[in-house]
Amino acid sequence: MKKTEFNADACPIRTVLDRLGDKWSLLVLSILGQKTKLRFNEINKEIGPDISQKMLTVTLRSLEADGLIKRKVFAEVPPRVEYEISDLGKSLIPHLDGLVVWALDNIKTIKKSREKHKV
């Protein structure tokens, strides 16, 4: 990659990591990668009480805008909305799974190092 391609506007690494580097996107993708289709409240329950409904909404919209998940609205009363991982999102799952395995294998070492450096 050319040095000029690392600028903020043109760097694909920055673009992707900006989306996936937030607190919730990888977790949502991991959940949707394990399930067929989930409704908003089902995703919320899977994550737990740590995420607000507003933040989950923002995260889902961002992932949909990037083409990583699909949102389907059913014309019912009340409206029913389902989310599922897209083909693009599915192509990310093996890499995400590798990161999860790496994190599980190395979290103790990371925590010890943080403690040593008081981070």
PDB file of N, CA and C in Angstrom:
ATOM      1  N   MET A   1       0.833  -1.174   0.000  1.00  0.00           N
ATOM      2  CA  MET A   1       0.000   0.000   0.000  1.00  0.00           C
ATOM      3  C   MET A   1       0.881   1.241   0.000  1.00  0.00           C
ATOM      4  N   LYS A   2       0.527   2.198  -0.806  1.00  0.00           N
ATOM      5  CA  LYS A   2       1.294   3.434  -0.873  1.00  0.00           C
ATOM      6  C   LYS A   2       1.056   4.274   0.378  1.00  0.00           C
ATOM      7  N   LYS A   3       2.076   5.041   0.754  1.00  0.00           N
ATOM      8  CA  LYS A   3       1.978   5.875   1.944  1.00  0.00           C
ATOM      9  C   LYS A   3       0.802   6.836   1.867  1.00  0.00           C
ATOM     10  N   THR A   4       0.517   7.371   0.714  1.00  0.00           N
ATOM     11  CA  THR A   4      -0.583   8.324   0.566  1.00  0.00           C
ATOM     12  C   THR A   4      -1.940   7.665   0.819  1.00  0.00           C
ATOM     13  N   GLU A   5      -2.017   6.349   0.705  1.00  0.00           N
ATOM     14  CA  GLU A   5      -3.273   5.650   0.933  1.00  0.00           C
ATOM     15  C   GLU A   5      -3.612   5.513   2.412  1.00  0.00           C
ATOM     16  N   PHE A   6      -2.724   5.955   3.302  1.00  0.00           N
ATOM     17  CA  PHE A   6      -3.004   5.888   4.728  1.00  0.00           C
ATOM     18  C   PHE A   6      -3.687   7.144   5.241  1.00  0.00           C
ATOM     19  N   ASN A   7      -3.913   8.109   4.351  1.00  0.00           N
ATOM     20  CA  ASN A   7      -4.604   9.305   4.836  1.00  0.00           C
ATOM     21  C   ASN A   7      -6.036   8.933   5.192  1.00  0.00           C
ATOM     22  N   ALA A   8      -6.642   9.717   6.057  1.00  0.00           N
ATOM     23  CA  ALA A   8      -7.936   9.374   6.648  1.00  0.00           C
ATOM     24  C   ALA A   8      -9.033   9.145   5.616  1.00  0.00           C
ATOM     25  N   ASP A   9      -9.021   9.866   4.529  1.00  0.00           N
ATOM     26  CA  ASP A   9     -10.100   9.755   3.552  1.00  0.00           C
ATOM     27  C   ASP A   9      -9.983   8.532   2.645  1.00  0.00           C
ATOM     28  N   ALA A  10      -8.770   8.065   2.411  1.00  0.00           N
ATOM     29  CA  ALA A  10      -8.573   6.998   1.422  1.00  0.00           C
ATOM     30  C   ALA A  10      -8.189   5.652   2.032  1.00  0.00           C
ATOM     31  N   CYS A  11      -7.884   5.595   3.311  1.00  0.00           N
ATOM     32  CA  CYS A  11      -7.357   4.373   3.910  1.00  0.00           C
ATOM     33  C   CYS A  11      -8.470   3.366   4.217  1.00  0.00           C
ATOM     34  N   PRO A  12      -8.465   2.228   3.531  1.00  0.00           N
ATOM     35  CA  PRO A  12      -9.501   1.225   3.803  1.00  0.00           C
ATOM     36  C   PRO A  12      -9.396   0.648   5.209  1.00  0.00           C
ATOM     37  N   ILE A  13      -8.196   0.572   5.744  1.00  0.00           N
ATOM     38  CA  ILE A  13      -8.025   0.043   7.099  1.00  0.00           C
ATOM     39  C   ILE A  13      -8.737   0.947   8.108  1.00  0.00           C
ATOM     40  N   ARG A  14      -8.516   2.236   8.008  1.00  0.00           N
ATOM     41  CA  ARG A  14      -9.177   3.173   8.916  1.00  0.00           C
ATOM     42  C   ARG A  14     -10.692   3.121   8.761  1.00  0.00           C
ATOM     43  N   THR A  15     -11.132   3.059   7.526  1.00  0.00           N
ATOM     44  CA  THR A  15     -12.569   3.042   7.259  1.00  0.00           C
ATOM     45  C   THR A  15     -13.235   1.846   7.925  1.00  0.00           C
ATOM     46  N   VAL A  16     -12.659   0.670   7.764  1.00  0.00           N
ATOM     47  CA  VAL A  16     -13.240  -0.538   8.343  1.00  0.00           C
ATOM     48  C   VAL A  16     -13.095  -0.533   9.866  1.00  0.00           C
ATOM     49  N   LEU A  17     -11.931  -0.177  10.372  1.00  0.00           N
ATOM     50  CA  LEU A  17     -11.727  -0.186  11.821  1.00  0.00           C
ATOM     51  C   LEU A  17     -12.553   0.878  12.532  1.00  0.00           C
ATOM     52  N   ASP A  18     -12.844   1.981  11.859  1.00  0.00           N
ATOM     53  CA  ASP A  18     -13.736   2.973  12.458  1.00  0.00           C
ATOM     54  C   ASP A  18     -15.092   2.355  12.769  1.00  0.00           C
ATOM     55  N   ARG A  19     -15.584   1.529  11.883  1.00  0.00           N
ATOM     56  CA  ARG A  19     -16.880   0.880  12.113  1.00  0.00           C
ATOM     57  C   ARG A  19     -16.763  -0.256  13.123  1.00  0.00           C
ATOM     58  N   LEU A  20     -15.802  -1.116  12.927  1.00  0.00           N
ATOM     59  CA  LEU A  20     -15.721  -2.319  13.747  1.00  0.00           C
ATOM     60  C   LEU A  20     -15.038  -2.091  15.088  1.00  0.00           C
ATOM     61  N   GLY A  21     -14.373  -0.959  15.228  1.00  0.00           N
ATOM     62  CA  GLY A  21     -13.632  -0.691  16.451  1.00  0.00           C
ATOM     63  C   GLY A  21     -14.464  -0.074  17.557  1.00  0.00           C
ATOM     64  N   ASP A  22     -15.748   0.144  17.313  1.00  0.00           N
ATOM     65  CA  ASP A  22     -16.569   0.694  18.388  1.00  0.00           C
ATOM     66  C   ASP A  22     -16.888  -0.409  19.399  1.00  0.00           C
ATOM     67  N   LYS A  23     -17.592  -0.049  20.431  1.00  0.00           N
ATOM     68  CA  LYS A  23     -17.815  -0.972  21.543  1.00  0.00           C
ATOM     69  C   LYS A  23     -18.757  -2.124  21.208  1.00  0.00           C
ATOM     70  N   TRP A  24     -19.680  -1.930  20.259  1.00  0.00           N
ATOM     71  CA  TRP A  24     -20.764  -2.884  20.094  1.00  0.00           C
ATOM     72  C   TRP A  24     -20.820  -3.610  18.752  1.00  0.00           C
ATOM     73  N   SER A  25     -20.251  -3.090  17.704  1.00  0.00           N
ATOM     74  CA  SER A  25     -20.441  -3.654  16.362  1.00  0.00           C
ATOM     75  C   SER A  25     -19.990  -5.105  16.244  1.00  0.00           C
ATOM     76  N   LEU A  26     -18.809  -5.417  16.749  1.00  0.00           N
ATOM     77  CA  LEU A  26     -18.326  -6.791  16.638  1.00  0.00           C
ATOM     78  C   LEU A  26     -19.187  -7.756  17.440  1.00  0.00           C
ATOM     79  N   LEU A  27     -19.682  -7.294  18.578  1.00  0.00           N
ATOM     80  CA  LEU A  27     -20.551  -8.136  19.382  1.00  0.00           C
ATOM     81  C   LEU A  27     -21.869  -8.415  18.650  1.00  0.00           C
ATOM     82  N   VAL A  28     -22.456  -7.396  18.056  1.00  0.00           N
ATOM     83  CA  VAL A  28     -23.699  -7.574  17.288  1.00  0.00           C
ATOM     84  C   VAL A  28     -23.456  -8.508  16.110  1.00  0.00           C
ATOM     85  N   LEU A  29     -22.360  -8.318  15.393  1.00  0.00           N
ATOM     86  CA  LEU A  29     -22.049  -9.202  14.263  1.00  0.00           C
ATOM     87  C   LEU A  29     -21.835 -10.643  14.722  1.00  0.00           C
ATOM     88  N   SER A  30     -21.163 -10.813  15.828  1.00  0.00           N
ATOM     89  CA  SER A  30     -20.938 -12.153  16.356  1.00  0.00           C
ATOM     90  C   SER A  30     -22.262 -12.830  16.715  1.00  0.00           C
ATOM     91  N   ILE A  31     -23.154 -12.102  17.352  1.00  0.00           N
ATOM     92  CA  ILE A  31     -24.467 -12.645  17.712  1.00  0.00           C
ATOM     93  C   ILE A  31     -25.256 -13.008  16.461  1.00  0.00           C
ATOM     94  N   LEU A  32     -25.312 -12.090  15.495  1.00  0.00           N
ATOM     95  CA  LEU A  32     -26.065 -12.365  14.267  1.00  0.00           C
ATOM     96  C   LEU A  32     -25.393 -13.451  13.425  1.00  0.00           C
ATOM     97  N   GLY A  33     -24.090 -13.617  13.570  1.00  0.00           N
ATOM     98  CA  GLY A  33     -23.394 -14.675  12.858  1.00  0.00           C
ATOM     99  C   GLY A  33     -23.726 -16.058  13.383  1.00  0.00           C
ATOM    100  N   GLN A  34     -24.213 -16.118  14.622  1.00  0.00           N
ATOM    101  CA  GLN A  34     -24.571 -17.405  15.242  1.00  0.00           C
ATOM    102  C   GLN A  34     -26.044 -17.745  15.089  1.00  0.00           C
ATOM    103  N   LYS A  35     -26.856 -16.755  14.799  1.00  0.00           N
ATOM    104  CA  LYS A  35     -28.311 -16.941  14.719  1.00  0.00           C
ATOM    105  C   LYS A  35     -28.769 -16.695  13.275  1.00  0.00           C
ATOM    106  N   THR A  36     -29.956 -17.177  12.951  1.00  0.00           N
ATOM    107  CA  THR A  36     -30.482 -16.951  11.609  1.00  0.00           C
ATOM    108  C   THR A  36     -31.015 -15.532  11.474  1.00  0.00           C
ATOM    109  N   LYS A  37     -32.024 -15.215  12.252  1.00  0.00           N
ATOM    110  CA  LYS A  37     -32.638 -13.894  12.235  1.00  0.00           C
ATOM    111  C   LYS A  37     -33.029 -13.563  13.664  1.00  0.00           C
ATOM    112  N   LEU A  38     -32.854 -12.309  14.016  1.00  0.00           N
ATOM    113  CA  LEU A  38     -33.237 -11.875  15.358  1.00  0.00           C
ATOM    114  C   LEU A  38     -33.971 -10.549  15.286  1.00  0.00           C
ATOM    115  N   ARG A  39     -34.891 -10.367  16.207  1.00  0.00           N
ATOM    116  CA  ARG A  39     -35.560  -9.084  16.353  1.00  0.00           C
ATOM    117  C   ARG A  39     -34.732  -8.212  17.292  1.00  0.00           C
ATOM    118  N   PHE A  40     -35.041  -6.922  17.293  1.00  0.00           N
ATOM    119  CA  PHE A  40     -34.293  -5.950  18.088  1.00  0.00           C
ATOM    120  C   PHE A  40     -34.172  -6.390  19.545  1.00  0.00           C
ATOM    121  N   ASN A  41     -35.292  -6.740  20.166  1.00  0.00           N
ATOM    122  CA  ASN A  41     -35.266  -7.111  21.584  1.00  0.00           C
ATOM    123  C   ASN A  41     -34.476  -8.387  21.835  1.00  0.00           C
ATOM    124  N   GLU A  42     -34.463  -9.291  20.873  1.00  0.00           N
ATOM    125  CA  GLU A  42     -33.671 -10.516  21.023  1.00  0.00           C
ATOM    126  C   GLU A  42     -32.175 -10.196  21.003  1.00  0.00           C
ATOM    127  N   ILE A  43     -31.777  -9.292  20.120  1.00  0.00           N
ATOM    128  CA  ILE A  43     -30.373  -8.866  20.087  1.00  0.00           C
ATOM    129  C   ILE A  43     -30.024  -8.171  21.396  1.00  0.00           C
ATOM    130  N   ASN A  44     -30.915  -7.314  21.850  1.00  0.00           N
ATOM    131  CA  ASN A  44     -30.704  -6.584  23.100  1.00  0.00           C
ATOM    132  C   ASN A  44     -30.520  -7.549  24.266  1.00  0.00           C
ATOM    133  N   LYS A  45     -31.348  -8.596  24.343  1.00  0.00           N
ATOM    134  CA  LYS A  45     -31.231  -9.594  25.413  1.00  0.00           C
ATOM    135  C   LYS A  45     -29.925 -10.372  25.320  1.00  0.00           C
ATOM    136  N   GLU A  46     -29.486 -10.682  24.110  1.00  0.00           N
ATOM    137  CA  GLU A  46     -28.226 -11.415  23.918  1.00  0.00           C
ATOM    138  C   GLU A  46     -27.038 -10.606  24.444  1.00  0.00           C
ATOM    139  N   ILE A  47     -27.067  -9.303  24.193  1.00  0.00           N
ATOM    140  CA  ILE A  47     -25.965  -8.441  24.633  1.00  0.00           C
ATOM    141  C   ILE A  47     -26.020  -8.236  26.135  1.00  0.00           C
ATOM    142  N   GLY A  48     -27.212  -8.041  26.665  1.00  0.00           N
ATOM    143  CA  GLY A  48     -27.357  -7.805  28.091  1.00  0.00           C
ATOM    144  C   GLY A  48     -27.644  -6.347  28.378  1.00  0.00           C
ATOM    145  N   PRO A  49     -27.654  -5.998  29.655  1.00  0.00           N
ATOM    146  CA  PRO A  49     -28.096  -4.661  30.060  1.00  0.00           C
ATOM    147  C   PRO A  49     -27.076  -3.547  29.809  1.00  0.00           C
ATOM    148  N   ASP A  50     -25.908  -3.877  29.314  1.00  0.00           N
ATOM    149  CA  ASP A  50     -24.852  -2.881  29.145  1.00  0.00           C
ATOM    150  C   ASP A  50     -25.106  -1.887  28.017  1.00  0.00           C
ATOM    151  N   ILE A  51     -25.957  -2.245  27.065  1.00  0.00           N
ATOM    152  CA  ILE A  51     -26.178  -1.381  25.908  1.00  0.00           C
ATOM    153  C   ILE A  51     -27.567  -0.737  25.996  1.00  0.00           C
ATOM    154  N   SER A  52     -27.626   0.540  25.707  1.00  0.00           N
ATOM    155  CA  SER A  52     -28.914   1.234  25.689  1.00  0.00           C
ATOM    156  C   SER A  52     -29.629   0.932  24.372  1.00  0.00           C
ATOM    157  N   GLN A  53     -30.936   1.125  24.362  1.00  0.00           N
ATOM    158  CA  GLN A  53     -31.692   0.910  23.127  1.00  0.00           C
ATOM    159  C   GLN A  53     -31.235   1.876  22.041  1.00  0.00           C
ATOM    160  N   LYS A  54     -30.916   3.109  22.433  1.00  0.00           N
ATOM    161  CA  LYS A  54     -30.449   4.089  21.455  1.00  0.00           C
ATOM    162  C   LYS A  54     -29.128   3.652  20.824  1.00  0.00           C
ATOM    163  N   MET A  55     -28.192   3.167  21.656  1.00  0.00           N
ATOM    164  CA  MET A  55     -26.892   2.744  21.119  1.00  0.00           C
ATOM    165  C   MET A  55     -27.040   1.510  20.249  1.00  0.00           C
ATOM    166  N   LEU A  56     -27.925   0.597  20.620  1.00  0.00           N
ATOM    167  CA  LEU A  56     -28.149  -0.577  19.770  1.00  0.00           C
ATOM    168  C   LEU A  56     -28.751  -0.151  18.434  1.00  0.00           C
ATOM    169  N   THR A  57     -29.675   0.791  18.466  1.00  0.00           N
ATOM    170  CA  THR A  57     -30.273   1.303  17.227  1.00  0.00           C
ATOM    171  C   THR A  57     -29.208   1.929  16.331  1.00  0.00           C
ATOM    172  N   VAL A  58     -28.357   2.757  16.910  1.00  0.00           N
ATOM    173  CA  VAL A  58     -27.279   3.407  16.143  1.00  0.00           C
ATOM    174  C   VAL A  58     -26.337   2.354  15.558  1.00  0.00           C
ATOM    175  N   THR A  59     -25.991   1.363  16.357  1.00  0.00           N
ATOM    176  CA  THR A  59     -25.086   0.301  15.899  1.00  0.00           C
ATOM    177  C   THR A  59     -25.703  -0.484  14.757  1.00  0.00           C
ATOM    178  N   LEU A  60     -26.958  -0.875  14.904  1.00  0.00           N
ATOM    179  CA  LEU A  60     -27.631  -1.633  13.843  1.00  0.00           C
ATOM    180  C   LEU A  60     -27.734  -0.819  12.552  1.00  0.00           C
ATOM    181  N   ARG A  61     -28.062   0.446  12.664  1.00  0.00           N
ATOM    182  CA  ARG A  61     -28.160   1.301  11.467  1.00  0.00           C
ATOM    183  C   ARG A  61     -26.806   1.433  10.776  1.00  0.00           C
ATOM    184  N   SER A  62     -25.751   1.576  11.564  1.00  0.00           N
ATOM    185  CA  SER A  62     -24.408   1.701  10.987  1.00  0.00           C
ATOM    186  C   SER A  62     -23.988   0.423  10.277  1.00  0.00           C
ATOM    187  N   LEU A  63     -24.255  -0.712  10.899  1.00  0.00           N
ATOM    188  CA  LEU A  63     -23.902  -1.991  10.277  1.00  0.00           C
ATOM    189  C   LEU A  63     -24.726  -2.229   9.014  1.00  0.00           C
ATOM    190  N   GLU A  64     -25.973  -1.808   9.037  1.00  0.00           N
ATOM    191  CA  GLU A  64     -26.816  -1.923   7.843  1.00  0.00           C
ATOM    192  C   GLU A  64     -26.300  -1.001   6.739  1.00  0.00           C
ATOM    193  N   ALA A  65     -25.921   0.218   7.109  1.00  0.00           N
ATOM    194  CA  ALA A  65     -25.412   1.179   6.115  1.00  0.00           C
ATOM    195  C   ALA A  65     -24.145   0.669   5.443  1.00  0.00           C
ATOM    196  N   ASP A  66     -23.337  -0.094   6.175  1.00  0.00           N
ATOM    197  CA  ASP A  66     -22.116  -0.667   5.607  1.00  0.00           C
ATOM    198  C   ASP A  66     -22.374  -1.975   4.866  1.00  0.00           C
ATOM    199  N   GLY A  67     -23.602  -2.460   4.898  1.00  0.00           N
ATOM    200  CA  GLY A  67     -23.938  -3.691   4.184  1.00  0.00           C
ATOM    201  C   GLY A  67     -23.574  -4.955   4.930  1.00  0.00           C
ATOM    202  N   LEU A  68     -23.283  -4.849   6.230  1.00  0.00           N
ATOM    203  CA  LEU A  68     -22.877  -6.021   7.006  1.00  0.00           C
ATOM    204  C   LEU A  68     -24.064  -6.790   7.580  1.00  0.00           C
ATOM    205  N   ILE A  69     -25.191  -6.118   7.743  1.00  0.00           N
ATOM    206  CA  ILE A  69     -26.412  -6.782   8.176  1.00  0.00           C
ATOM    207  C   ILE A  69     -27.565  -6.320   7.295  1.00  0.00           C
ATOM    208  N   LYS A  70     -28.651  -7.095   7.333  1.00  0.00           N
ATOM    209  CA  LYS A  70     -29.862  -6.753   6.593  1.00  0.00           C
ATOM    210  C   LYS A  70     -30.997  -6.562   7.598  1.00  0.00           C
ATOM    211  N   ARG A  71     -31.857  -5.608   7.288  1.00  0.00           N
ATOM    212  CA  ARG A  71     -33.011  -5.284   8.125  1.00  0.00           C
ATOM    213  C   ARG A  71     -34.260  -5.488   7.295  1.00  0.00           C
ATOM    214  N   LYS A  72     -35.201  -6.250   7.838  1.00  0.00           N
ATOM    215  CA  LYS A  72     -36.450  -6.485   7.120  1.00  0.00           C
ATOM    216  C   LYS A  72     -37.610  -6.043   8.010  1.00  0.00           C
ATOM    217  N   VAL A  73     -38.451  -5.153   7.459  1.00  0.00           N
ATOM    218  CA  VAL A  73     -39.616  -4.642   8.169  1.00  0.00           C
ATOM    219  C   VAL A  73     -40.851  -5.333   7.620  1.00  0.00           C
ATOM    220  N   PHE A  74     -41.670  -5.871   8.521  1.00  0.00           N
ATOM    221  CA  PHE A  74     -42.905  -6.541   8.133  1.00  0.00           C
ATOM    222  C   PHE A  74     -44.071  -5.585   8.365  1.00  0.00           C
ATOM    223  N   ALA A  75     -44.974  -5.532   7.393  1.00  0.00           N
ATOM    224  CA  ALA A  75     -46.133  -4.628   7.466  1.00  0.00           C
ATOM    225  C   ALA A  75     -47.192  -5.240   8.383  1.00  0.00           C
ATOM    226  N   GLU A  76     -46.924  -5.147   9.669  1.00  0.00           N
ATOM    227  CA  GLU A  76     -47.836  -5.669  10.678  1.00  0.00           C
ATOM    228  C   GLU A  76     -48.069  -4.583  11.715  1.00  0.00           C
ATOM    229  N   VAL A  77     -49.083  -4.788  12.544  1.00  0.00           N
ATOM    230  CA  VAL A  77     -49.330  -3.870  13.651  1.00  0.00           C
ATOM    231  C   VAL A  77     -49.252  -4.687  14.927  1.00  0.00           C
ATOM    232  N   PRO A  78     -48.309  -4.395  15.800  1.00  0.00           N
ATOM    233  CA  PRO A  78     -47.227  -3.421  15.642  1.00  0.00           C
ATOM    234  C   PRO A  78     -46.202  -3.923  14.620  1.00  0.00           C
ATOM    235  N   PRO A  79     -45.415  -3.006  14.069  1.00  0.00           N
ATOM    236  CA  PRO A  79     -44.423  -3.408  13.064  1.00  0.00           C
ATOM    237  C   PRO A  79     -43.415  -4.407  13.637  1.00  0.00           C
ATOM    238  N   ARG A  80     -43.063  -5.369  12.831  1.00  0.00           N
ATOM    239  CA  ARG A  80     -42.051  -6.355  13.231  1.00  0.00           C
ATOM    240  C   ARG A  80     -40.829  -6.129  12.357  1.00  0.00           C
ATOM    241  N   VAL A  81     -39.667  -6.085  12.994  1.00  0.00           N
ATOM    242  CA  VAL A  81     -38.404  -5.873  12.280  1.00  0.00           C
ATOM    243  C   VAL A  81     -37.460  -7.007  12.646  1.00  0.00           C
ATOM    244  N   GLU A  82     -36.852  -7.611  11.644  1.00  0.00           N
ATOM    245  CA  GLU A  82     -35.863  -8.667  11.862  1.00  0.00           C
ATOM    246  C   GLU A  82     -34.531  -8.253  11.266  1.00  0.00           C
ATOM    247  N   TYR A  83     -33.476  -8.686  11.922  1.00  0.00           N
ATOM    248  CA  TYR A  83     -32.117  -8.423  11.461  1.00  0.00           C
ATOM    249  C   TYR A  83     -31.430  -9.748  11.203  1.00  0.00           C
ATOM    250  N   GLU A  84     -30.616  -9.766  10.148  1.00  0.00           N
ATOM    251  CA  GLU A  84     -29.786 -10.936   9.872  1.00  0.00           C
ATOM    252  C   GLU A  84     -28.483 -10.469   9.253  1.00  0.00           C
ATOM    253  N   ILE A  85     -27.499 -11.308   9.353  1.00  0.00           N
ATOM    254  CA  ILE A  85     -26.196 -10.964   8.796  1.00  0.00           C
ATOM    255  C   ILE A  85     -26.254 -11.105   7.277  1.00  0.00           C
ATOM    256  N   SER A  86     -25.614 -10.207   6.579  1.00  0.00           N
ATOM    257  CA  SER A  86     -25.598 -10.243   5.108  1.00  0.00           C
ATOM    258  C   SER A  86     -24.467 -11.167   4.642  1.00  0.00           C
ATOM    259  N   ASP A  87     -24.392 -11.383   3.351  1.00  0.00           N
ATOM    260  CA  ASP A  87     -23.288 -12.182   2.804  1.00  0.00           C
ATOM    261  C   ASP A  87     -21.947 -11.509   3.100  1.00  0.00           C
ATOM    262  N   LEU A  88     -21.907 -10.196   2.986  1.00  0.00           N
ATOM    263  CA  LEU A  88     -20.670  -9.474   3.317  1.00  0.00           C
ATOM    264  C   LEU A  88     -20.310  -9.686   4.784  1.00  0.00           C
ATOM    265  N   GLY A  89     -21.303  -9.590   5.658  1.00  0.00           N
ATOM    266  CA  GLY A  89     -21.068  -9.825   7.080  1.00  0.00           C
ATOM    267  C   GLY A  89     -20.611 -11.252   7.344  1.00  0.00           C
ATOM    268  N   LYS A  90     -21.200 -12.206   6.632  1.00  0.00           N
ATOM    269  CA  LYS A  90     -20.791 -13.611   6.790  1.00  0.00           C
ATOM    270  C   LYS A  90     -19.331 -13.802   6.417  1.00  0.00           C
ATOM    271  N   SER A  91     -18.858 -13.047   5.437  1.00  0.00           N
ATOM    272  CA  SER A  91     -17.456 -13.181   5.023  1.00  0.00           C
ATOM    273  C   SER A  91     -16.501 -12.664   6.100  1.00  0.00           C
ATOM    274  N   LEU A  92     -17.016 -11.845   7.003  1.00  0.00           N
ATOM    275  CA  LEU A  92     -16.204 -11.311   8.103  1.00  0.00           C
ATOM    276  C   LEU A  92     -16.137 -12.267   9.294  1.00  0.00           C
ATOM    277  N   ILE A  93     -17.138 -13.136   9.451  1.00  0.00           N
ATOM    278  CA  ILE A  93     -17.253 -13.986  10.636  1.00  0.00           C
ATOM    279  C   ILE A  93     -16.022 -14.859  10.889  1.00  0.00           C
ATOM    280  N   PRO A  94     -15.420 -15.514   9.889  1.00  0.00           N
ATOM    281  CA  PRO A  94     -14.217 -16.312  10.195  1.00  0.00           C
ATOM    282  C   PRO A  94     -13.091 -15.464  10.794  1.00  0.00           C
ATOM    283  N   HIS A  95     -12.968 -14.245  10.337  1.00  0.00           N
ATOM    284  CA  HIS A  95     -11.933 -13.351  10.870  1.00  0.00           C
ATOM    285  C   HIS A  95     -12.291 -12.918  12.289  1.00  0.00           C
ATOM    286  N   LEU A  96     -13.569 -12.636  12.493  1.00  0.00           N
ATOM    287  CA  LEU A  96     -14.056 -12.276  13.818  1.00  0.00           C
ATOM    288  C   LEU A  96     -13.869 -13.441  14.790  1.00  0.00           C
ATOM    289  N   ASP A  97     -14.194 -14.650  14.347  1.00  0.00           N
ATOM    290  CA  ASP A  97     -14.005 -15.833  15.189  1.00  0.00           C
ATOM    291  C   ASP A  97     -12.539 -16.010  15.567  1.00  0.00           C
ATOM    292  N   GLY A  98     -11.646 -15.740  14.608  1.00  0.00           N
ATOM    293  CA  GLY A  98     -10.208 -15.818  14.905  1.00  0.00           C
ATOM    294  C   GLY A  98      -9.798 -14.813  15.970  1.00  0.00           C
ATOM    295  N   LEU A  99     -10.368 -13.610  15.903  1.00  0.00           N
ATOM    296  CA  LEU A  99     -10.077 -12.585  16.898  1.00  0.00           C
ATOM    297  C   LEU A  99     -10.605 -12.999  18.270  1.00  0.00           C
ATOM    298  N   VAL A 100     -11.782 -13.593  18.305  1.00  0.00           N
ATOM    299  CA  VAL A 100     -12.359 -14.060  19.568  1.00  0.00           C
ATOM    300  C   VAL A 100     -11.468 -15.130  20.188  1.00  0.00           C
ATOM    301  N   VAL A 101     -11.044 -16.088  19.398  1.00  0.00           N
ATOM    302  CA  VAL A 101     -10.155 -17.147  19.901  1.00  0.00           C
ATOM    303  C   VAL A 101      -8.856 -16.544  20.415  1.00  0.00           C
ATOM    304  N   TRP A 102      -8.284 -15.618  19.643  1.00  0.00           N
ATOM    305  CA  TRP A 102      -7.037 -14.967  20.063  1.00  0.00           C
ATOM    306  C   TRP A 102      -7.237 -14.236  21.390  1.00  0.00           C
ATOM    307  N   ALA A 103      -8.350 -13.507  21.518  1.00  0.00           N
ATOM    308  CA  ALA A 103      -8.629 -12.769  22.753  1.00  0.00           C
ATOM    309  C   ALA A 103      -8.771 -13.715  23.939  1.00  0.00           C
ATOM    310  N   LEU A 104      -9.492 -14.805  23.767  1.00  0.00           N
ATOM    311  CA  LEU A 104      -9.657 -15.772  24.851  1.00  0.00           C
ATOM    312  C   LEU A 104      -8.323 -16.408  25.244  1.00  0.00           C
ATOM    313  N   ASP A 105      -7.500 -16.685  24.259  1.00  0.00           N
ATOM    314  CA  ASP A 105      -6.188 -17.288  24.526  1.00  0.00           C
ATOM    315  C   ASP A 105      -5.223 -16.333  25.219  1.00  0.00           C
ATOM    316  N   ASN A 106      -5.392 -15.028  25.018  1.00  0.00           N
ATOM    317  CA  ASN A 106      -4.394 -14.066  25.477  1.00  0.00           C
ATOM    318  C   ASN A 106      -4.866 -13.068  26.529  1.00  0.00           C
ATOM    319  N   ILE A 107      -6.112 -13.150  26.959  1.00  0.00           N
ATOM    320  CA  ILE A 107      -6.632 -12.139  27.876  1.00  0.00           C
ATOM    321  C   ILE A 107      -5.891 -12.110  29.201  1.00  0.00           C
ATOM    322  N   LYS A 108      -5.483 -13.242  29.729  1.00  0.00           N
ATOM    323  CA  LYS A 108      -4.749 -13.257  31.001  1.00  0.00           C
ATOM    324  C   LYS A 108      -3.415 -12.527  30.866  1.00  0.00           C
ATOM    325  N   THR A 109      -2.716 -12.770  29.780  1.00  0.00           N
ATOM    326  CA  THR A 109      -1.433 -12.098  29.540  1.00  0.00           C
ATOM    327  C   THR A 109      -1.632 -10.598  29.384  1.00  0.00           C
ATOM    328  N   ILE A 110      -2.666 -10.208  28.675  1.00  0.00           N
ATOM    329  CA  ILE A 110      -2.952  -8.789  28.470  1.00  0.00           C
ATOM    330  C   ILE A 110      -3.271  -8.119  29.804  1.00  0.00           C
ATOM    331  N   LYS A 111      -4.111  -8.771  30.623  1.00  0.00           N
ATOM    332  CA  LYS A 111      -4.469  -8.201  31.923  1.00  0.00           C
ATOM    333  C   LYS A 111      -3.250  -8.070  32.830  1.00  0.00           C
ATOM    334  N   LYS A 112      -2.382  -9.062  32.811  1.00  0.00           N
ATOM    335  CA  LYS A 112      -1.150  -8.986  33.613  1.00  0.00           C
ATOM    336  C   LYS A 112      -0.277  -7.835  33.148  1.00  0.00           C
ATOM    337  N   SER A 113      -0.150  -7.666  31.859  1.00  0.00           N
ATOM    338  CA  SER A 113       0.660  -6.577  31.323  1.00  0.00           C
ATOM    339  C   SER A 113       0.059  -5.224  31.678  1.00  0.00           C
ATOM    340  N   ARG A 114      -1.253  -5.105  31.596  1.00  0.00           N
ATOM    341  CA  ARG A 114      -1.916  -3.851  31.979  1.00  0.00           C
ATOM    342  C   ARG A 114      -1.679  -3.530  33.446  1.00  0.00           C
ATOM    343  N   GLU A 115      -1.790  -4.555  34.257  1.00  0.00           N
ATOM    344  CA  GLU A 115      -1.575  -4.366  35.700  1.00  0.00           C
ATOM    345  C   GLU A 115      -0.148  -3.908  35.962  1.00  0.00           C
ATOM    346  N   LYS A 116       0.786  -4.502  35.260  1.00  0.00           N
ATOM    347  CA  LYS A 116       2.189  -4.143  35.403  1.00  0.00           C
ATOM    348  C   LYS A 116       2.432  -2.695  35.014  1.00  0.00           C
ATOM    349  N   HIS A 117       1.749  -2.252  33.971  1.00  0.00           N
ATOM    350  CA  HIS A 117       1.915  -0.893  33.468  1.00  0.00           C
ATOM    351  C   HIS A 117       0.854   0.056  34.002  1.00  0.00           C
ATOM    352  N   LYS A 118      -0.027  -0.460  34.849  1.00  0.00           N
ATOM    353  CA  LYS A 118      -1.095   0.327  35.476  1.00  0.00           C
ATOM    354  C   LYS A 118      -1.931   1.097  34.461  1.00  0.00           C
ATOM    355  N   VAL A 119      -2.357   0.355  33.436  1.00  0.00           N
ATOM    356  CA  VAL A 119      -3.204   0.945  32.390  1.00  0.00           C
ATOM    357  C   VAL A 119      -4.636   0.543  32.628  1.00  0.00           C
TER     358      VAL A 119
END
